Amino acid sequence: VLNSEINYIKAKNEYDSSVNTYKSAKMLLNTKLGNNVMTEIILTDDLAYKEYEVASIAEAVQSALENRYEIKALEYAYQMAEINEKISGKKYPEFTYDYRKATVGLKKALSDLENAKKNIEIEVRSNYLTLLQKKQEIQSGEKAVQLAEEALKIARISYDSGLGVMTDVLQAQVAVQQAKLGLSKAILDYNLAVL
């Protein structure tokens, strides 16, 4: 009984601390959104798993290479370096400093463009792998919730039949909530990975 009372006091303190953390987080969110600090925010949507149609990795890489602003900027820089090299070639002989500087600038612009294309492809492929991993985490999270709910049913049946204690039921309830929280995080991570 004493142990239970001590555990109850600890749990109550943790709960009170969590409530305060939650209130602080709400005030910070209101500040970020430009609302009054104590504005009540009402969520209008549920965080639910919805599978998105994602382009193939080859299409995603191609789209990134065609549409990313970094590539456009580096292509423009390469074109400018090419023009500069042609102008320098007409103004100066090949052995002069100015001509060689323009040639090196052209090579550097080409190298920067090729490296950017490789880095963007690596980024897109990494993001794609992350997306697949997050999808698997959702499936694992759904299974974890099912197992935790089944464990809760068993704990309740054991308690009702006099074979278990209330602590087992409470621990099973906490496990269910933690599994649901993990699933919600996996869904959020998946949605962010899609974006």
N, C-alpha and C. Protein backbone atom coordinates (compact mmCIF):
# COMPACT_ATOMS: atom_id res chain seq x y z
N VAL A 1 0.84 -1.20 0.00
CA VAL A 1 0.00 0.00 0.00
C VAL A 1 0.88 1.25 0.00
N LEU A 2 1.94 1.24 0.84
CA LEU A 2 2.84 2.39 0.88
C LEU A 2 3.52 2.61 -0.48
N ASN A 3 3.93 1.50 -1.08
CA ASN A 3 4.54 1.61 -2.42
C ASN A 3 3.56 2.22 -3.41
N SER A 4 2.34 1.79 -3.36
CA SER A 4 1.32 2.32 -4.27
C SER A 4 1.09 3.81 -4.03
N GLU A 5 1.08 4.22 -2.76
CA GLU A 5 0.90 5.64 -2.46
C GLU A 5 2.08 6.46 -2.97
N ILE A 6 3.29 5.94 -2.80
CA ILE A 6 4.48 6.65 -3.31
C ILE A 6 4.42 6.74 -4.82
N ASN A 7 4.07 5.65 -5.49
CA ASN A 7 3.96 5.66 -6.95
C ASN A 7 2.87 6.62 -7.41
N TYR A 8 1.78 6.69 -6.66
CA TYR A 8 0.70 7.62 -6.99
C TYR A 8 1.19 9.06 -6.89
N ILE A 9 1.93 9.38 -5.84
CA ILE A 9 2.45 10.74 -5.67
C ILE A 9 3.42 11.09 -6.81
N LYS A 10 4.30 10.14 -7.17
CA LYS A 10 5.23 10.37 -8.28
C LYS A 10 4.47 10.58 -9.59
N ALA A 11 3.48 9.73 -9.83
CA ALA A 11 2.70 9.84 -11.06
C ALA A 11 1.95 11.16 -11.11
N LYS A 12 1.40 11.59 -9.98
CA LYS A 12 0.68 12.87 -9.93
C LYS A 12 1.63 14.03 -10.22
N ASN A 13 2.83 13.99 -9.65
CA ASN A 13 3.83 15.03 -9.92
C ASN A 13 4.22 15.05 -11.40
N GLU A 14 4.42 13.88 -11.98
CA GLU A 14 4.75 13.80 -13.40
C GLU A 14 3.59 14.33 -14.25
N TYR A 15 2.39 14.00 -13.86
CA TYR A 15 1.21 14.48 -14.58
C TYR A 15 1.13 16.01 -14.51
N ASP A 16 1.30 16.57 -13.32
CA ASP A 16 1.26 18.03 -13.16
C ASP A 16 2.34 18.70 -14.00
N SER A 17 3.53 18.09 -14.01
CA SER A 17 4.63 18.63 -14.82
C SER A 17 4.27 18.58 -16.31
N SER A 18 3.65 17.48 -16.73
CA SER A 18 3.25 17.34 -18.14
C SER A 18 2.19 18.37 -18.51
N VAL A 19 1.26 18.62 -17.62
CA VAL A 19 0.22 19.62 -17.88
C VAL A 19 0.86 21.00 -18.05
N ASN A 20 1.81 21.33 -17.20
CA ASN A 20 2.50 22.63 -17.31
C ASN A 20 3.29 22.73 -18.61
N THR A 21 3.96 21.64 -18.98
CA THR A 21 4.71 21.63 -20.24
C THR A 21 3.76 21.81 -21.42
N TYR A 22 2.61 21.16 -21.36
CA TYR A 22 1.61 21.28 -22.41
C TYR A 22 1.12 22.72 -22.53
N LYS A 23 0.82 23.35 -21.40
CA LYS A 23 0.35 24.74 -21.42
C LYS A 23 1.42 25.67 -21.98
N SER A 24 2.66 25.45 -21.61
CA SER A 24 3.76 26.28 -22.13
C SER A 24 3.90 26.10 -23.63
N ALA A 25 3.76 24.87 -24.10
CA ALA A 25 3.86 24.60 -25.53
C ALA A 25 2.73 25.28 -26.29
N LYS A 26 1.51 25.27 -25.73
CA LYS A 26 0.38 25.95 -26.37
C LYS A 26 0.63 27.45 -26.46
N MET A 27 1.17 28.04 -25.40
CA MET A 27 1.45 29.48 -25.42
C MET A 27 2.52 29.80 -26.46
N LEU A 28 3.55 28.96 -26.55
CA LEU A 28 4.60 29.17 -27.53
C LEU A 28 4.05 29.04 -28.95
N LEU A 29 3.18 28.06 -29.17
CA LEU A 29 2.56 27.90 -30.49
C LEU A 29 1.72 29.12 -30.84
N ASN A 30 0.94 29.62 -29.89
CA ASN A 30 0.15 30.82 -30.14
C ASN A 30 1.04 31.99 -30.50
N THR A 31 2.17 32.11 -29.84
CA THR A 31 3.11 33.19 -30.15
C THR A 31 3.63 33.04 -31.58
N LYS A 32 4.00 31.81 -31.95
CA LYS A 32 4.50 31.56 -33.32
C LYS A 32 3.45 31.86 -34.37
N LEU A 33 2.18 31.57 -34.05
CA LEU A 33 1.09 31.80 -35.00
C LEU A 33 0.62 33.25 -35.01
N GLY A 34 1.13 34.07 -34.09
CA GLY A 34 0.74 35.47 -34.02
C GLY A 34 -0.57 35.69 -33.29
N ASN A 35 -1.02 34.72 -32.51
CA ASN A 35 -2.25 34.83 -31.73
C ASN A 35 -1.93 35.40 -30.35
N ASN A 36 -2.99 35.72 -29.62
CA ASN A 36 -2.81 36.05 -28.22
C ASN A 36 -2.28 34.81 -27.51
N VAL A 37 -1.54 35.00 -26.46
CA VAL A 37 -0.87 33.90 -25.78
C VAL A 37 -1.85 32.83 -25.30
N MET A 38 -3.01 33.21 -24.83
CA MET A 38 -3.96 32.25 -24.25
C MET A 38 -5.08 31.85 -25.21
N THR A 39 -4.93 32.10 -26.50
CA THR A 39 -5.94 31.71 -27.47
C THR A 39 -6.07 30.19 -27.48
N GLU A 40 -7.33 29.73 -27.48
CA GLU A 40 -7.59 28.29 -27.53
C GLU A 40 -7.57 27.84 -28.99
N ILE A 41 -6.72 26.90 -29.31
CA ILE A 41 -6.60 26.39 -30.67
C ILE A 41 -7.42 25.11 -30.77
N ILE A 42 -8.28 25.06 -31.77
CA ILE A 42 -9.11 23.87 -31.98
C ILE A 42 -8.66 23.21 -33.28
N LEU A 43 -8.22 21.98 -33.16
CA LEU A 43 -7.77 21.25 -34.34
C LEU A 43 -8.98 20.83 -35.16
N THR A 44 -8.86 20.97 -36.47
CA THR A 44 -9.99 20.65 -37.34
C THR A 44 -9.74 19.39 -38.17
N ASP A 45 -8.60 18.76 -37.98
CA ASP A 45 -8.27 17.60 -38.77
C ASP A 45 -7.61 16.55 -37.87
N ASP A 46 -7.78 15.30 -38.23
CA ASP A 46 -7.13 14.22 -37.50
C ASP A 46 -5.84 13.85 -38.21
N LEU A 47 -4.90 13.41 -37.43
CA LEU A 47 -3.65 12.91 -38.00
C LEU A 47 -3.87 11.45 -38.34
N ALA A 48 -4.14 11.19 -39.60
CA ALA A 48 -4.43 9.83 -40.03
C ALA A 48 -3.50 9.46 -41.19
N TYR A 49 -3.19 8.20 -41.27
CA TYR A 49 -2.33 7.71 -42.34
C TYR A 49 -3.10 7.69 -43.65
N LYS A 50 -2.51 8.30 -44.64
CA LYS A 50 -3.09 8.30 -45.97
C LYS A 50 -1.92 8.09 -46.93
N GLU A 51 -1.97 7.02 -47.67
CA GLU A 51 -0.86 6.71 -48.56
C GLU A 51 -0.90 7.64 -49.76
N TYR A 52 0.24 8.18 -50.07
CA TYR A 52 0.36 9.11 -51.19
C TYR A 52 0.94 8.39 -52.39
N GLU A 53 0.52 8.84 -53.56
CA GLU A 53 1.09 8.32 -54.80
C GLU A 53 2.39 9.09 -55.03
N VAL A 54 3.48 8.40 -54.88
CA VAL A 54 4.79 9.03 -55.02
C VAL A 54 5.38 8.61 -56.35
N ALA A 55 6.00 9.57 -57.02
CA ALA A 55 6.62 9.29 -58.30
C ALA A 55 7.76 8.28 -58.11
N SER A 56 8.13 7.64 -59.19
CA SER A 56 9.26 6.71 -59.09
C SER A 56 10.52 7.51 -58.78
N ILE A 57 11.52 6.84 -58.29
CA ILE A 57 12.76 7.53 -57.91
C ILE A 57 13.40 8.20 -59.13
N ALA A 58 13.33 7.56 -60.28
CA ALA A 58 13.91 8.15 -61.49
C ALA A 58 13.16 9.43 -61.87
N GLU A 59 11.84 9.40 -61.78
CA GLU A 59 11.05 10.60 -62.08
C GLU A 59 11.33 11.72 -61.08
N ALA A 60 11.48 11.35 -59.81
CA ALA A 60 11.75 12.36 -58.78
C ALA A 60 13.10 13.02 -59.00
N VAL A 61 14.10 12.22 -59.34
CA VAL A 61 15.44 12.77 -59.61
C VAL A 61 15.39 13.68 -60.83
N GLN A 62 14.74 13.22 -61.89
CA GLN A 62 14.64 14.02 -63.11
C GLN A 62 13.91 15.34 -62.85
N SER A 63 12.83 15.27 -62.11
CA SER A 63 12.07 16.48 -61.79
C SER A 63 12.91 17.46 -60.97
N ALA A 64 13.65 16.94 -60.02
CA ALA A 64 14.51 17.80 -59.20
C ALA A 64 15.58 18.46 -60.05
N LEU A 65 16.17 17.69 -60.94
CA LEU A 65 17.24 18.26 -61.79
C LEU A 65 16.68 19.32 -62.75
N GLU A 66 15.43 19.19 -63.14
CA GLU A 66 14.83 20.16 -64.05
C GLU A 66 14.28 21.38 -63.34
N ASN A 67 13.88 21.25 -62.08
CA ASN A 67 13.15 22.33 -61.43
C ASN A 67 13.84 23.00 -60.26
N ARG A 68 14.93 22.47 -59.77
CA ARG A 68 15.57 23.06 -58.60
C ARG A 68 16.26 24.37 -58.98
N TYR A 69 16.08 25.36 -58.14
CA TYR A 69 16.65 26.68 -58.43
C TYR A 69 18.17 26.66 -58.43
N GLU A 70 18.78 25.79 -57.62
CA GLU A 70 20.24 25.72 -57.58
C GLU A 70 20.81 25.34 -58.95
N ILE A 71 20.14 24.40 -59.61
CA ILE A 71 20.59 23.96 -60.94
C ILE A 71 20.45 25.10 -61.93
N LYS A 72 19.31 25.79 -61.88
CA LYS A 72 19.09 26.91 -62.80
C LYS A 72 20.17 27.98 -62.60
N ALA A 73 20.48 28.28 -61.34
CA ALA A 73 21.48 29.31 -61.05
C ALA A 73 22.86 28.87 -61.54
N LEU A 74 23.21 27.62 -61.33
CA LEU A 74 24.52 27.14 -61.76
C LEU A 74 24.60 26.98 -63.28
N GLU A 75 23.49 26.64 -63.93
CA GLU A 75 23.48 26.61 -65.40
C GLU A 75 23.71 28.01 -65.95
N TYR A 76 23.07 28.99 -65.33
CA TYR A 76 23.27 30.38 -65.74
C TYR A 76 24.73 30.80 -65.52
N ALA A 77 25.29 30.44 -64.38
CA ALA A 77 26.69 30.78 -64.09
C ALA A 77 27.62 30.11 -65.11
N TYR A 78 27.30 28.88 -65.50
CA TYR A 78 28.11 28.19 -66.50
C TYR A 78 28.02 28.90 -67.86
N GLN A 79 26.81 29.31 -68.24
CA GLN A 79 26.65 30.02 -69.51
C GLN A 79 27.43 31.34 -69.49
N MET A 80 27.39 32.03 -68.35
CA MET A 80 28.12 33.29 -68.24
C MET A 80 29.63 33.04 -68.32
N ALA A 81 30.11 31.98 -67.69
CA ALA A 81 31.53 31.63 -67.73
C ALA A 81 31.95 31.25 -69.15
N GLU A 82 31.05 30.59 -69.87
CA GLU A 82 31.31 30.20 -71.25
C GLU A 82 31.44 31.45 -72.13
N ILE A 83 30.54 32.38 -71.95
CA ILE A 83 30.59 33.64 -72.71
C ILE A 83 31.86 34.41 -72.37
N ASN A 84 32.17 34.45 -71.07
CA ASN A 84 33.38 35.15 -70.63
C ASN A 84 34.64 34.52 -71.23
N GLU A 85 34.67 33.19 -71.32
CA GLU A 85 35.82 32.51 -71.89
C GLU A 85 35.94 32.81 -73.39
N LYS A 86 34.82 32.86 -74.09
CA LYS A 86 34.84 33.18 -75.53
C LYS A 86 35.32 34.61 -75.77
N ILE A 87 34.82 35.51 -74.94
CA ILE A 87 35.25 36.91 -75.06
C ILE A 87 36.73 37.04 -74.77
N SER A 88 37.20 36.37 -73.72
CA SER A 88 38.62 36.43 -73.37
C SER A 88 39.47 35.81 -74.47
N GLY A 89 38.97 34.76 -75.11
CA GLY A 89 39.70 34.12 -76.20
C GLY A 89 39.86 35.04 -77.40
N LYS A 90 38.90 35.93 -77.61
CA LYS A 90 38.99 36.88 -78.74
C LYS A 90 39.84 38.09 -78.38
N LYS A 91 39.88 38.42 -77.07
CA LYS A 91 40.63 39.60 -76.64
C LYS A 91 42.10 39.31 -76.35
N TYR A 92 42.37 38.09 -75.79
CA TYR A 92 43.72 37.78 -75.32
C TYR A 92 44.22 36.49 -75.94
N PRO A 93 45.54 36.39 -76.10
CA PRO A 93 46.13 35.11 -76.56
C PRO A 93 45.97 34.03 -75.48
N GLU A 94 46.13 32.77 -75.87
CA GLU A 94 45.89 31.65 -74.96
C GLU A 94 46.85 31.60 -73.77
N PHE A 95 48.03 32.15 -73.88
CA PHE A 95 49.03 32.05 -72.81
C PHE A 95 48.91 33.17 -71.77
N THR A 96 47.97 34.09 -71.95
CA THR A 96 47.86 35.21 -71.00
C THR A 96 47.08 34.80 -69.76
N TYR A 97 47.29 35.56 -68.71
CA TYR A 97 46.63 35.32 -67.42
C TYR A 97 45.11 35.46 -67.55
N ASP A 98 44.67 36.50 -68.22
CA ASP A 98 43.23 36.75 -68.34
C ASP A 98 42.51 35.62 -69.05
N TYR A 99 43.10 35.08 -70.11
CA TYR A 99 42.48 33.98 -70.84
C TYR A 99 42.44 32.73 -69.97
N ARG A 100 43.55 32.43 -69.32
CA ARG A 100 43.61 31.23 -68.47
C ARG A 100 42.65 31.35 -67.27
N LYS A 101 42.51 32.56 -66.75
CA LYS A 101 41.57 32.79 -65.65
C LYS A 101 40.14 32.49 -66.12
N ALA A 102 39.80 32.93 -67.33
CA ALA A 102 38.47 32.67 -67.87
C ALA A 102 38.26 31.17 -68.11
N THR A 103 39.31 30.49 -68.58
CA THR A 103 39.22 29.05 -68.82
C THR A 103 39.03 28.29 -67.51
N VAL A 104 39.79 28.69 -66.49
CA VAL A 104 39.64 28.05 -65.18
C VAL A 104 38.24 28.33 -64.62
N GLY A 105 37.74 29.55 -64.81
CA GLY A 105 36.39 29.90 -64.36
C GLY A 105 35.34 29.03 -65.03
N LEU A 106 35.53 28.76 -66.33
CA LEU A 106 34.60 27.91 -67.06
C LEU A 106 34.63 26.48 -66.52
N LYS A 107 35.84 25.96 -66.27
CA LYS A 107 35.97 24.61 -65.73
C LYS A 107 35.35 24.52 -64.33
N LYS A 108 35.56 25.55 -63.53
CA LYS A 108 35.00 25.57 -62.17
C LYS A 108 33.47 25.62 -62.23
N ALA A 109 32.91 26.43 -63.13
CA ALA A 109 31.46 26.52 -63.27
C ALA A 109 30.87 25.18 -63.70
N LEU A 110 31.56 24.51 -64.62
CA LEU A 110 31.10 23.19 -65.06
C LEU A 110 31.18 22.18 -63.91
N SER A 111 32.27 22.21 -63.16
CA SER A 111 32.44 21.32 -62.02
C SER A 111 31.37 21.58 -60.95
N ASP A 112 31.10 22.85 -60.68
CA ASP A 112 30.07 23.19 -59.69
C ASP A 112 28.69 22.68 -60.12
N LEU A 113 28.40 22.82 -61.42
CA LEU A 113 27.12 22.35 -61.95
C LEU A 113 27.00 20.84 -61.83
N GLU A 114 28.04 20.11 -62.21
CA GLU A 114 28.01 18.65 -62.13
C GLU A 114 27.91 18.18 -60.69
N ASN A 115 28.66 18.82 -59.77
CA ASN A 115 28.59 18.44 -58.36
C ASN A 115 27.21 18.72 -57.77
N ALA A 116 26.61 19.83 -58.15
CA ALA A 116 25.27 20.15 -57.66
C ALA A 116 24.26 19.11 -58.13
N LYS A 117 24.38 18.68 -59.38
CA LYS A 117 23.47 17.66 -59.89
C LYS A 117 23.63 16.36 -59.12
N LYS A 118 24.87 15.99 -58.82
CA LYS A 118 25.10 14.76 -58.04
C LYS A 118 24.55 14.91 -56.63
N ASN A 119 24.78 16.06 -56.01
CA ASN A 119 24.30 16.28 -54.64
C ASN A 119 22.78 16.28 -54.56
N ILE A 120 22.13 16.86 -55.56
CA ILE A 120 20.67 16.86 -55.58
C ILE A 120 20.15 15.45 -55.78
N GLU A 121 20.80 14.67 -56.63
CA GLU A 121 20.37 13.28 -56.82
C GLU A 121 20.52 12.49 -55.52
N ILE A 122 21.62 12.70 -54.81
CA ILE A 122 21.83 12.04 -53.52
C ILE A 122 20.74 12.45 -52.54
N GLU A 123 20.42 13.75 -52.50
CA GLU A 123 19.39 14.25 -51.59
C GLU A 123 18.03 13.62 -51.89
N VAL A 124 17.67 13.57 -53.17
CA VAL A 124 16.36 13.02 -53.55
C VAL A 124 16.31 11.53 -53.24
N ARG A 125 17.37 10.81 -53.54
CA ARG A 125 17.39 9.38 -53.26
C ARG A 125 17.33 9.12 -51.74
N SER A 126 18.03 9.93 -50.96
CA SER A 126 17.99 9.80 -49.50
C SER A 126 16.59 10.07 -48.97
N ASN A 127 15.96 11.11 -49.49
CA ASN A 127 14.59 11.43 -49.08
C ASN A 127 13.63 10.30 -49.45
N TYR A 128 13.84 9.69 -50.59
CA TYR A 128 12.99 8.59 -51.03
C TYR A 128 13.14 7.39 -50.09
N LEU A 129 14.40 7.10 -49.71
CA LEU A 129 14.63 6.00 -48.76
C LEU A 129 14.00 6.31 -47.41
N THR A 130 14.08 7.57 -46.99
CA THR A 130 13.45 7.97 -45.73
C THR A 130 11.95 7.77 -45.81
N LEU A 131 11.36 8.12 -46.93
CA LEU A 131 9.92 7.94 -47.13
C LEU A 131 9.53 6.47 -46.97
N LEU A 132 10.29 5.58 -47.60
CA LEU A 132 10.00 4.15 -47.49
C LEU A 132 10.16 3.66 -46.05
N GLN A 133 11.17 4.17 -45.36
CA GLN A 133 11.39 3.78 -43.96
C GLN A 133 10.23 4.25 -43.09
N LYS A 134 9.77 5.48 -43.30
CA LYS A 134 8.66 6.01 -42.49
C LYS A 134 7.38 5.23 -42.75
N LYS A 135 7.20 4.77 -43.98
CA LYS A 135 6.02 3.95 -44.30
C LYS A 135 6.06 2.64 -43.51
N GLN A 136 7.25 2.04 -43.41
CA GLN A 136 7.40 0.82 -42.63
C GLN A 136 7.17 1.08 -41.14
N GLU A 137 7.62 2.25 -40.66
CA GLU A 137 7.41 2.60 -39.26
C GLU A 137 5.93 2.73 -38.93
N ILE A 138 5.14 3.20 -39.88
CA ILE A 138 3.69 3.29 -39.67
C ILE A 138 3.11 1.89 -39.51
N GLN A 139 3.51 0.97 -40.37
CA GLN A 139 3.01 -0.40 -40.28
C GLN A 139 3.41 -1.03 -38.94
N SER A 140 4.65 -0.79 -38.51
CA SER A 140 5.10 -1.30 -37.21
C SER A 140 4.31 -0.65 -36.08
N GLY A 141 4.05 0.65 -36.20
CA GLY A 141 3.29 1.36 -35.17
C GLY A 141 1.87 0.85 -35.05
N GLU A 142 1.24 0.55 -36.18
CA GLU A 142 -0.12 0.01 -36.15
C GLU A 142 -0.14 -1.35 -35.45
N LYS A 143 0.86 -2.17 -35.73
CA LYS A 143 0.95 -3.48 -35.09
C LYS A 143 1.20 -3.31 -33.58
N ALA A 144 2.04 -2.36 -33.20
CA ALA A 144 2.32 -2.11 -31.78
C ALA A 144 1.06 -1.68 -31.04
N VAL A 145 0.23 -0.85 -31.69
CA VAL A 145 -1.03 -0.43 -31.06
C VAL A 145 -1.94 -1.63 -30.87
N GLN A 146 -2.06 -2.47 -31.88
CA GLN A 146 -2.90 -3.67 -31.77
C GLN A 146 -2.44 -4.56 -30.62
N LEU A 147 -1.14 -4.79 -30.53
CA LEU A 147 -0.61 -5.65 -29.47
C LEU A 147 -0.81 -5.03 -28.09
N ALA A 148 -0.62 -3.72 -27.98
CA ALA A 148 -0.81 -3.05 -26.69
C ALA A 148 -2.27 -3.09 -26.27
N GLU A 149 -3.19 -2.92 -27.22
CA GLU A 149 -4.62 -3.01 -26.89
C GLU A 149 -5.00 -4.42 -26.46
N GLU A 150 -4.42 -5.41 -27.10
CA GLU A 150 -4.68 -6.80 -26.71
C GLU A 150 -4.14 -7.06 -25.30
N ALA A 151 -2.96 -6.53 -25.01
CA ALA A 151 -2.39 -6.69 -23.66
C ALA A 151 -3.27 -6.00 -22.63
N LEU A 152 -3.87 -4.87 -22.98
CA LEU A 152 -4.77 -4.17 -22.07
C LEU A 152 -6.02 -5.02 -21.80
N LYS A 153 -6.57 -5.63 -22.84
CA LYS A 153 -7.74 -6.51 -22.65
C LYS A 153 -7.41 -7.64 -21.69
N ILE A 154 -6.25 -8.25 -21.90
CA ILE A 154 -5.83 -9.36 -21.03
C ILE A 154 -5.65 -8.88 -19.59
N ALA A 155 -5.05 -7.70 -19.42
CA ALA A 155 -4.84 -7.16 -18.06
C ALA A 155 -6.18 -6.88 -17.39
N ARG A 156 -7.16 -6.38 -18.12
CA ARG A 156 -8.48 -6.11 -17.55
C ARG A 156 -9.20 -7.40 -17.17
N ILE A 157 -9.11 -8.40 -18.04
CA ILE A 157 -9.74 -9.69 -17.75
C ILE A 157 -9.09 -10.31 -16.51
N SER A 158 -7.78 -10.24 -16.43
CA SER A 158 -7.07 -10.78 -15.26
C SER A 158 -7.49 -10.05 -14.00
N TYR A 159 -7.61 -8.72 -14.10
CA TYR A 159 -8.01 -7.94 -12.92
C TYR A 159 -9.45 -8.27 -12.51
N ASP A 160 -10.33 -8.34 -13.51
CA ASP A 160 -11.74 -8.63 -13.22
C ASP A 160 -11.93 -10.03 -12.59
N SER A 161 -11.07 -10.96 -12.97
CA SER A 161 -11.19 -12.31 -12.42
C SER A 161 -10.40 -12.49 -11.12
N GLY A 162 -9.73 -11.44 -10.67
CA GLY A 162 -9.02 -11.50 -9.40
C GLY A 162 -7.61 -12.04 -9.52
N LEU A 163 -7.12 -12.24 -10.74
CA LEU A 163 -5.77 -12.78 -10.92
C LEU A 163 -4.71 -11.69 -11.12
N GLY A 164 -5.14 -10.46 -11.34
CA GLY A 164 -4.20 -9.38 -11.55
C GLY A 164 -4.48 -8.22 -10.62
N VAL A 165 -3.60 -7.22 -10.69
CA VAL A 165 -3.76 -6.03 -9.86
C VAL A 165 -4.00 -4.82 -10.76
N MET A 166 -4.53 -3.77 -10.15
CA MET A 166 -4.85 -2.56 -10.91
C MET A 166 -3.60 -1.96 -11.55
N THR A 167 -2.46 -2.12 -10.93
CA THR A 167 -1.21 -1.58 -11.48
C THR A 167 -0.94 -2.16 -12.87
N ASP A 168 -1.23 -3.45 -13.05
CA ASP A 168 -1.04 -4.08 -14.37
C ASP A 168 -1.94 -3.43 -15.42
N VAL A 169 -3.17 -3.14 -15.02
CA VAL A 169 -4.11 -2.50 -15.95
C VAL A 169 -3.62 -1.09 -16.30
N LEU A 170 -3.17 -0.37 -15.29
CA LEU A 170 -2.67 1.00 -15.52
C LEU A 170 -1.44 1.00 -16.42
N GLN A 171 -0.54 0.05 -16.20
CA GLN A 171 0.65 -0.05 -17.04
C GLN A 171 0.27 -0.40 -18.48
N ALA A 172 -0.72 -1.25 -18.63
CA ALA A 172 -1.19 -1.61 -19.98
C ALA A 172 -1.83 -0.40 -20.67
N GLN A 173 -2.56 0.42 -19.90
CA GLN A 173 -3.15 1.64 -20.48
C GLN A 173 -2.07 2.61 -20.92
N VAL A 174 -1.03 2.73 -20.12
CA VAL A 174 0.09 3.60 -20.49
C VAL A 174 0.76 3.07 -21.75
N ALA A 175 0.93 1.76 -21.84
CA ALA A 175 1.55 1.16 -23.02
C ALA A 175 0.73 1.43 -24.28
N VAL A 176 -0.60 1.38 -24.16
CA VAL A 176 -1.47 1.67 -25.30
C VAL A 176 -1.28 3.12 -25.74
N GLN A 177 -1.27 4.03 -24.78
CA GLN A 177 -1.11 5.45 -25.12
C GLN A 177 0.26 5.72 -25.74
N GLN A 178 1.30 5.07 -25.22
CA GLN A 178 2.63 5.24 -25.81
C GLN A 178 2.69 4.69 -27.23
N ALA A 179 2.04 3.56 -27.46
CA ALA A 179 2.01 2.98 -28.80
C ALA A 179 1.26 3.90 -29.77
N LYS A 180 0.16 4.49 -29.30
CA LYS A 180 -0.59 5.43 -30.15
C LYS A 180 0.22 6.68 -30.42
N LEU A 181 0.94 7.14 -29.44
CA LEU A 181 1.80 8.31 -29.62
C LEU A 181 2.90 8.01 -30.64
N GLY A 182 3.49 6.81 -30.54
CA GLY A 182 4.51 6.41 -31.50
C GLY A 182 3.95 6.33 -32.91
N LEU A 183 2.74 5.82 -33.04
CA LEU A 183 2.09 5.74 -34.35
C LEU A 183 1.83 7.13 -34.90
N SER A 184 1.37 8.03 -34.06
CA SER A 184 1.12 9.41 -34.51
C SER A 184 2.41 10.07 -34.99
N LYS A 185 3.50 9.83 -34.27
CA LYS A 185 4.79 10.39 -34.69
C LYS A 185 5.22 9.80 -36.03
N ALA A 186 5.02 8.50 -36.20
CA ALA A 186 5.38 7.86 -37.47
C ALA A 186 4.56 8.44 -38.62
N ILE A 187 3.28 8.68 -38.40
CA ILE A 187 2.42 9.26 -39.45
C ILE A 187 2.89 10.68 -39.77
N LEU A 188 3.18 11.45 -38.74
CA LEU A 188 3.65 12.82 -38.97
C LEU A 188 4.98 12.81 -39.73
N ASP A 189 5.90 11.95 -39.33
CA ASP A 189 7.18 11.85 -40.04
C ASP A 189 6.99 11.44 -41.49
N TYR A 190 6.06 10.53 -41.75
CA TYR A 190 5.77 10.10 -43.11
C TYR A 190 5.23 11.27 -43.94
N ASN A 191 4.27 12.01 -43.36
CA ASN A 191 3.71 13.15 -44.09
C ASN A 191 4.79 14.20 -44.38
N LEU A 192 5.68 14.44 -43.43
CA LEU A 192 6.78 15.37 -43.67
C LEU A 192 7.73 14.85 -44.73
N ALA A 193 7.98 13.54 -44.74
CA ALA A 193 8.86 12.96 -45.75
C ALA A 193 8.25 13.09 -47.14
N VAL A 194 6.93 12.94 -47.22
CA VAL A 194 6.26 13.11 -48.53
C VAL A 194 6.45 14.54 -49.02
N LEU A 195 6.28 15.50 -48.12
CA LEU A 195 6.46 16.90 -48.51
C LEU A 195 7.88 17.15 -48.94
